[in-house]
Structures are given as structure tokens and as C-alpha cells.
Amino acid sequence: MGGKKMDLLRGTLDLLILQVLQLEPLHGVAVADRIRQVTKGTFDVPAGSLFPALHRLEQEGWIEGEWSLDNGRRIKSYALTPSGRKQLASEKRAWNRTVEAVGLVIDLASE
């Protein structure tokens, strides 16, 4: 998949953030780094999209942030909440329905 960068589809950033945070708590830049790493550079989430999304997910109660010091710098790490785990499961189901529906349309073109 690597090589060419793609724009994230509307609504997929929340899914990616929740999935990455399911594995372990991370600070914002580490979330973006992990998404870039796992997608082999296909998705590079800019700070202007990432931090508003983290803030929104925190307001929804799906993630919780905790401030700490790292080399003298204050950083905020985020962890998935139980409500966030439920939301992640819901987002995965919705994503799978989307993939299936798009696949049906694509297959239609090859009939």
C-alpha cells in the first residue's frame, strides 16, 4: 500500500485513533506516527486534524487524557475508555458495512 499518500475519508480518523489507542495509551504525535507507520505512510494525519479529533473524542468520553512530564515537557497521553471500546466496535461494524457496499458497486462495474 505504501508510497502514495491518500486523504482520509470523512469519519475514518476517529476509527483510526480509537483503534490505535486500543493497543496502548499514546500522546498525540505518537498517535499520528502510529497511524503513518501502520498504513505504511498512506495516511499522514496533520496536527490540524489530529488534535481537534482527539479533543472531540475526549469530550465524547471515548478517550481520556492525562498530563505528564517527558524530558521536562508537558505531554498529554490518551487512553481508550470503556465507552470508547464500545464506540470502536460500532465504528468497525459501520466501516465493514461501508467496505462491503463499496465492493458491491465496484463488482457491479465488472459484470
N, C-alpha and C. Protein backbone atom coordinates (compact mmCIF):
# COMPACT_ATOMS: atom_id res chain seq x y z
N MET A 1 0.82 -1.20 0.00
CA MET A 1 0.00 0.00 0.00
C MET A 1 0.85 1.25 0.00
N GLY A 2 2.07 1.18 0.44
CA GLY A 2 2.91 2.34 0.65
C GLY A 2 3.17 3.15 -0.60
N GLY A 3 3.81 4.27 -0.38
CA GLY A 3 4.20 5.11 -1.50
C GLY A 3 3.34 6.34 -1.66
N LYS A 4 2.10 6.16 -2.05
CA LYS A 4 1.24 7.28 -2.35
C LYS A 4 0.35 7.62 -1.16
N LYS A 5 0.35 8.90 -0.78
CA LYS A 5 -0.50 9.34 0.34
C LYS A 5 -1.92 9.54 -0.16
N MET A 6 -2.87 9.30 0.74
CA MET A 6 -4.28 9.46 0.42
C MET A 6 -4.94 10.33 1.47
N ASP A 7 -6.01 11.00 1.08
CA ASP A 7 -6.80 11.75 2.05
C ASP A 7 -7.68 10.77 2.81
N LEU A 8 -7.86 11.02 4.11
CA LEU A 8 -8.75 10.19 4.91
C LEU A 8 -10.20 10.48 4.52
N LEU A 9 -11.00 9.43 4.42
CA LEU A 9 -12.42 9.62 4.20
C LEU A 9 -13.02 10.24 5.45
N ARG A 10 -14.03 11.06 5.27
CA ARG A 10 -14.69 11.68 6.41
C ARG A 10 -15.17 10.60 7.38
N GLY A 11 -14.85 10.78 8.65
CA GLY A 11 -15.28 9.84 9.67
C GLY A 11 -14.30 8.72 9.97
N THR A 12 -13.30 8.51 9.12
CA THR A 12 -12.38 7.40 9.37
C THR A 12 -11.30 7.76 10.38
N LEU A 13 -11.03 9.04 10.57
CA LEU A 13 -9.98 9.42 11.51
C LEU A 13 -10.33 8.96 12.93
N ASP A 14 -11.58 9.12 13.33
CA ASP A 14 -11.99 8.67 14.67
C ASP A 14 -11.73 7.18 14.81
N LEU A 15 -12.11 6.40 13.82
CA LEU A 15 -11.90 4.96 13.84
C LEU A 15 -10.42 4.63 14.00
N LEU A 16 -9.58 5.28 13.23
CA LEU A 16 -8.14 5.01 13.29
C LEU A 16 -7.55 5.37 14.66
N ILE A 17 -7.96 6.51 15.19
CA ILE A 17 -7.46 6.94 16.50
C ILE A 17 -7.89 5.95 17.58
N LEU A 18 -9.17 5.59 17.58
CA LEU A 18 -9.66 4.66 18.59
C LEU A 18 -8.94 3.31 18.48
N GLN A 19 -8.73 2.84 17.27
CA GLN A 19 -8.06 1.55 17.08
C GLN A 19 -6.62 1.60 17.58
N VAL A 20 -5.91 2.67 17.28
CA VAL A 20 -4.52 2.81 17.72
C VAL A 20 -4.46 2.87 19.25
N LEU A 21 -5.39 3.59 19.86
CA LEU A 21 -5.38 3.72 21.32
C LEU A 21 -5.87 2.47 22.03
N GLN A 22 -6.49 1.55 21.30
CA GLN A 22 -6.91 0.28 21.90
C GLN A 22 -5.68 -0.51 22.35
N LEU A 23 -4.59 -0.36 21.65
CA LEU A 23 -3.38 -1.12 21.95
C LEU A 23 -2.66 -0.60 23.18
N GLU A 24 -2.56 0.74 23.29
CA GLU A 24 -1.86 1.34 24.43
C GLU A 24 -2.10 2.83 24.43
N PRO A 25 -1.99 3.48 25.61
CA PRO A 25 -2.10 4.94 25.66
C PRO A 25 -0.93 5.59 24.91
N LEU A 26 -1.22 6.67 24.21
CA LEU A 26 -0.19 7.39 23.44
C LEU A 26 -0.46 8.88 23.50
N HIS A 27 0.58 9.68 23.32
CA HIS A 27 0.38 11.12 23.18
C HIS A 27 0.05 11.41 21.72
N GLY A 28 -0.42 12.61 21.48
CA GLY A 28 -0.94 12.96 20.16
C GLY A 28 -0.01 12.68 19.00
N VAL A 29 1.22 13.14 19.08
CA VAL A 29 2.16 12.94 17.98
C VAL A 29 2.42 11.45 17.75
N ALA A 30 2.45 10.68 18.85
CA ALA A 30 2.66 9.23 18.73
C ALA A 30 1.46 8.56 18.04
N VAL A 31 0.26 9.10 18.25
CA VAL A 31 -0.92 8.57 17.56
C VAL A 31 -0.74 8.76 16.05
N ALA A 32 -0.37 9.97 15.65
CA ALA A 32 -0.16 10.25 14.22
C ALA A 32 0.97 9.38 13.66
N ASP A 33 2.04 9.23 14.43
CA ASP A 33 3.17 8.40 13.99
C ASP A 33 2.73 6.95 13.79
N ARG A 34 1.94 6.44 14.73
CA ARG A 34 1.49 5.04 14.64
C ARG A 34 0.60 4.84 13.42
N ILE A 35 -0.31 5.78 13.18
CA ILE A 35 -1.18 5.68 12.00
C ILE A 35 -0.34 5.68 10.74
N ARG A 36 0.63 6.58 10.66
CA ARG A 36 1.51 6.65 9.49
C ARG A 36 2.30 5.35 9.34
N GLN A 37 2.79 4.82 10.45
CA GLN A 37 3.58 3.58 10.43
C GLN A 37 2.74 2.39 9.97
N VAL A 38 1.58 2.20 10.59
CA VAL A 38 0.74 1.04 10.29
C VAL A 38 0.22 1.09 8.85
N THR A 39 -0.08 2.30 8.36
CA THR A 39 -0.58 2.42 6.99
C THR A 39 0.55 2.56 5.97
N LYS A 40 1.77 2.35 6.42
CA LYS A 40 2.96 2.42 5.56
C LYS A 40 3.04 3.75 4.82
N GLY A 41 2.69 4.82 5.55
CA GLY A 41 2.80 6.16 5.00
C GLY A 41 1.62 6.61 4.16
N THR A 42 0.62 5.77 4.00
CA THR A 42 -0.54 6.14 3.19
C THR A 42 -1.32 7.28 3.83
N PHE A 43 -1.49 7.22 5.16
CA PHE A 43 -2.19 8.28 5.87
C PHE A 43 -1.23 9.02 6.78
N ASP A 44 -1.09 10.31 6.52
CA ASP A 44 -0.25 11.19 7.32
C ASP A 44 -1.18 12.23 7.91
N VAL A 45 -1.52 12.08 9.18
CA VAL A 45 -2.53 12.93 9.81
C VAL A 45 -1.89 14.22 10.29
N PRO A 46 -2.28 15.36 9.72
CA PRO A 46 -1.71 16.63 10.17
C PRO A 46 -2.24 17.03 11.55
N ALA A 47 -1.43 17.78 12.27
CA ALA A 47 -1.81 18.23 13.62
C ALA A 47 -3.14 18.97 13.61
N GLY A 48 -3.40 19.73 12.56
CA GLY A 48 -4.64 20.49 12.46
C GLY A 48 -5.88 19.63 12.37
N SER A 49 -5.72 18.36 12.02
CA SER A 49 -6.84 17.41 12.02
C SER A 49 -6.81 16.54 13.26
N LEU A 50 -5.60 16.14 13.67
CA LEU A 50 -5.45 15.21 14.78
C LEU A 50 -5.91 15.79 16.11
N PHE A 51 -5.42 16.96 16.48
CA PHE A 51 -5.71 17.47 17.81
C PHE A 51 -7.17 17.86 18.01
N PRO A 52 -7.85 18.44 17.01
CA PRO A 52 -9.30 18.64 17.18
C PRO A 52 -10.05 17.31 17.33
N ALA A 53 -9.60 16.28 16.61
CA ALA A 53 -10.24 14.96 16.72
C ALA A 53 -10.03 14.38 18.12
N LEU A 54 -8.81 14.48 18.63
CA LEU A 54 -8.54 13.99 19.99
C LEU A 54 -9.41 14.73 21.01
N HIS A 55 -9.51 16.03 20.85
CA HIS A 55 -10.32 16.84 21.76
C HIS A 55 -11.79 16.41 21.69
N ARG A 56 -12.29 16.22 20.47
CA ARG A 56 -13.69 15.81 20.28
C ARG A 56 -13.94 14.42 20.90
N LEU A 57 -13.02 13.48 20.67
CA LEU A 57 -13.17 12.14 21.23
C LEU A 57 -13.13 12.16 22.75
N GLU A 58 -12.32 13.06 23.29
CA GLU A 58 -12.25 13.21 24.75
C GLU A 58 -13.57 13.78 25.28
N GLN A 59 -14.12 14.77 24.59
CA GLN A 59 -15.39 15.35 25.00
C GLN A 59 -16.52 14.32 24.95
N GLU A 60 -16.45 13.42 23.98
CA GLU A 60 -17.46 12.36 23.86
C GLU A 60 -17.33 11.32 24.95
N GLY A 61 -16.18 11.30 25.65
CA GLY A 61 -15.94 10.33 26.69
C GLY A 61 -15.36 9.02 26.17
N TRP A 62 -14.92 9.01 24.92
CA TRP A 62 -14.40 7.79 24.31
C TRP A 62 -12.91 7.59 24.59
N ILE A 63 -12.22 8.69 24.89
CA ILE A 63 -10.82 8.62 25.31
C ILE A 63 -10.66 9.54 26.51
N GLU A 64 -9.62 9.30 27.28
CA GLU A 64 -9.32 10.22 28.38
C GLU A 64 -7.84 10.58 28.32
N GLY A 65 -7.59 11.85 28.58
CA GLY A 65 -6.22 12.34 28.54
C GLY A 65 -5.64 12.53 29.92
N GLU A 66 -4.34 12.33 30.01
CA GLU A 66 -3.65 12.52 31.28
C GLU A 66 -2.34 13.24 31.00
N TRP A 67 -2.11 14.34 31.71
CA TRP A 67 -0.89 15.12 31.54
C TRP A 67 0.26 14.48 32.33
N SER A 68 1.45 14.54 31.74
CA SER A 68 2.66 14.07 32.42
C SER A 68 3.85 14.85 31.89
N LEU A 69 5.00 14.63 32.51
CA LEU A 69 6.23 15.26 32.05
C LEU A 69 7.07 14.25 31.29
N ASP A 70 7.63 14.69 30.16
CA ASP A 70 8.52 13.85 29.37
C ASP A 70 9.71 14.72 28.97
N ASN A 71 10.86 14.43 29.58
CA ASN A 71 12.06 15.25 29.34
C ASN A 71 11.80 16.73 29.60
N GLY A 72 11.07 17.01 30.68
CA GLY A 72 10.79 18.38 31.06
C GLY A 72 9.65 19.03 30.29
N ARG A 73 9.07 18.33 29.35
CA ARG A 73 7.93 18.87 28.57
C ARG A 73 6.65 18.23 29.05
N ARG A 74 5.60 19.05 29.15
CA ARG A 74 4.29 18.50 29.49
C ARG A 74 3.69 17.89 28.23
N ILE A 75 3.27 16.63 28.35
CA ILE A 75 2.59 15.96 27.24
C ILE A 75 1.29 15.36 27.76
N LYS A 76 0.35 15.23 26.86
CA LYS A 76 -0.94 14.64 27.22
C LYS A 76 -1.06 13.31 26.49
N SER A 77 -1.16 12.25 27.25
CA SER A 77 -1.35 10.92 26.67
C SER A 77 -2.82 10.56 26.76
N TYR A 78 -3.27 9.82 25.77
CA TYR A 78 -4.68 9.46 25.67
C TYR A 78 -4.84 7.96 25.77
N ALA A 79 -5.92 7.54 26.45
CA ALA A 79 -6.24 6.13 26.59
C ALA A 79 -7.72 5.92 26.24
N LEU A 80 -8.02 4.77 25.73
CA LEU A 80 -9.39 4.41 25.40
C LEU A 80 -10.17 4.14 26.68
N THR A 81 -11.39 4.62 26.75
CA THR A 81 -12.27 4.35 27.89
C THR A 81 -13.16 3.15 27.55
N PRO A 82 -13.87 2.60 28.55
CA PRO A 82 -14.83 1.53 28.23
C PRO A 82 -15.87 1.97 27.20
N SER A 83 -16.32 3.20 27.31
CA SER A 83 -17.26 3.74 26.32
C SER A 83 -16.59 3.82 24.94
N GLY A 84 -15.31 4.15 24.94
CA GLY A 84 -14.55 4.21 23.68
C GLY A 84 -14.42 2.84 23.03
N ARG A 85 -14.29 1.80 23.85
CA ARG A 85 -14.22 0.43 23.31
C ARG A 85 -15.53 0.07 22.61
N LYS A 86 -16.65 0.46 23.22
CA LYS A 86 -17.95 0.22 22.60
C LYS A 86 -18.08 1.00 21.30
N GLN A 87 -17.63 2.25 21.32
CA GLN A 87 -17.69 3.08 20.12
C GLN A 87 -16.81 2.50 19.02
N LEU A 88 -15.63 2.01 19.39
CA LEU A 88 -14.73 1.40 18.42
C LEU A 88 -15.41 0.20 17.75
N ALA A 89 -16.07 -0.64 18.53
CA ALA A 89 -16.78 -1.80 17.96
C ALA A 89 -17.85 -1.33 16.98
N SER A 90 -18.58 -0.28 17.35
CA SER A 90 -19.62 0.28 16.48
C SER A 90 -19.01 0.85 15.20
N GLU A 91 -17.91 1.57 15.34
CA GLU A 91 -17.23 2.16 14.17
C GLU A 91 -16.71 1.08 13.24
N LYS A 92 -16.20 -0.02 13.80
CA LYS A 92 -15.71 -1.13 12.97
C LYS A 92 -16.85 -1.77 12.18
N ARG A 93 -18.00 -1.96 12.84
CA ARG A 93 -19.16 -2.52 12.13
C ARG A 93 -19.58 -1.60 10.99
N ALA A 94 -19.63 -0.31 11.26
CA ALA A 94 -20.02 0.65 10.22
C ALA A 94 -19.01 0.65 9.07
N TRP A 95 -17.72 0.57 9.41
CA TRP A 95 -16.69 0.55 8.38
C TRP A 95 -16.83 -0.71 7.51
N ASN A 96 -17.06 -1.85 8.14
CA ASN A 96 -17.21 -3.10 7.39
C ASN A 96 -18.42 -3.05 6.46
N ARG A 97 -19.51 -2.42 6.91
CA ARG A 97 -20.68 -2.25 6.03
C ARG A 97 -20.33 -1.35 4.86
N THR A 98 -19.56 -0.29 5.11
CA THR A 98 -19.15 0.63 4.05
C THR A 98 -18.29 -0.09 3.02
N VAL A 99 -17.31 -0.84 3.49
CA VAL A 99 -16.42 -1.58 2.59
C VAL A 99 -17.22 -2.57 1.74
N GLU A 100 -18.15 -3.27 2.38
CA GLU A 100 -18.98 -4.24 1.65
C GLU A 100 -19.82 -3.55 0.59
N ALA A 101 -20.44 -2.42 0.94
CA ALA A 101 -21.29 -1.70 -0.01
C ALA A 101 -20.48 -1.16 -1.19
N VAL A 102 -19.32 -0.59 -0.91
CA VAL A 102 -18.47 -0.08 -1.99
C VAL A 102 -18.02 -1.24 -2.88
N GLY A 103 -17.68 -2.36 -2.26
CA GLY A 103 -17.29 -3.55 -3.03
C GLY A 103 -18.39 -4.01 -3.97
N LEU A 104 -19.64 -3.94 -3.52
CA LEU A 104 -20.76 -4.33 -4.38
C LEU A 104 -20.85 -3.41 -5.60
N VAL A 105 -20.66 -2.12 -5.39
CA VAL A 105 -20.71 -1.17 -6.50
C VAL A 105 -19.55 -1.43 -7.47
N ILE A 106 -18.37 -1.68 -6.95
CA ILE A 106 -17.20 -1.94 -7.79
C ILE A 106 -17.41 -3.23 -8.58
N ASP A 107 -17.92 -4.27 -7.91
CA ASP A 107 -18.19 -5.52 -8.60
C ASP A 107 -19.23 -5.37 -9.69
N LEU A 108 -20.20 -4.48 -9.47
CA LEU A 108 -21.23 -4.23 -10.46
C LEU A 108 -20.61 -3.74 -11.77
N ALA A 109 -19.58 -2.92 -11.65
CA ALA A 109 -18.94 -2.36 -12.84
C ALA A 109 -18.20 -3.44 -13.63
N SER A 110 -17.85 -4.57 -12.99
CA SER A 110 -17.09 -5.59 -13.70
C SER A 110 -17.99 -6.72 -14.23
N GLU A 111 -19.30 -6.56 -14.07
CA GLU A 111 -20.24 -7.60 -14.58
C GLU A 111 -20.44 -7.46 -16.06
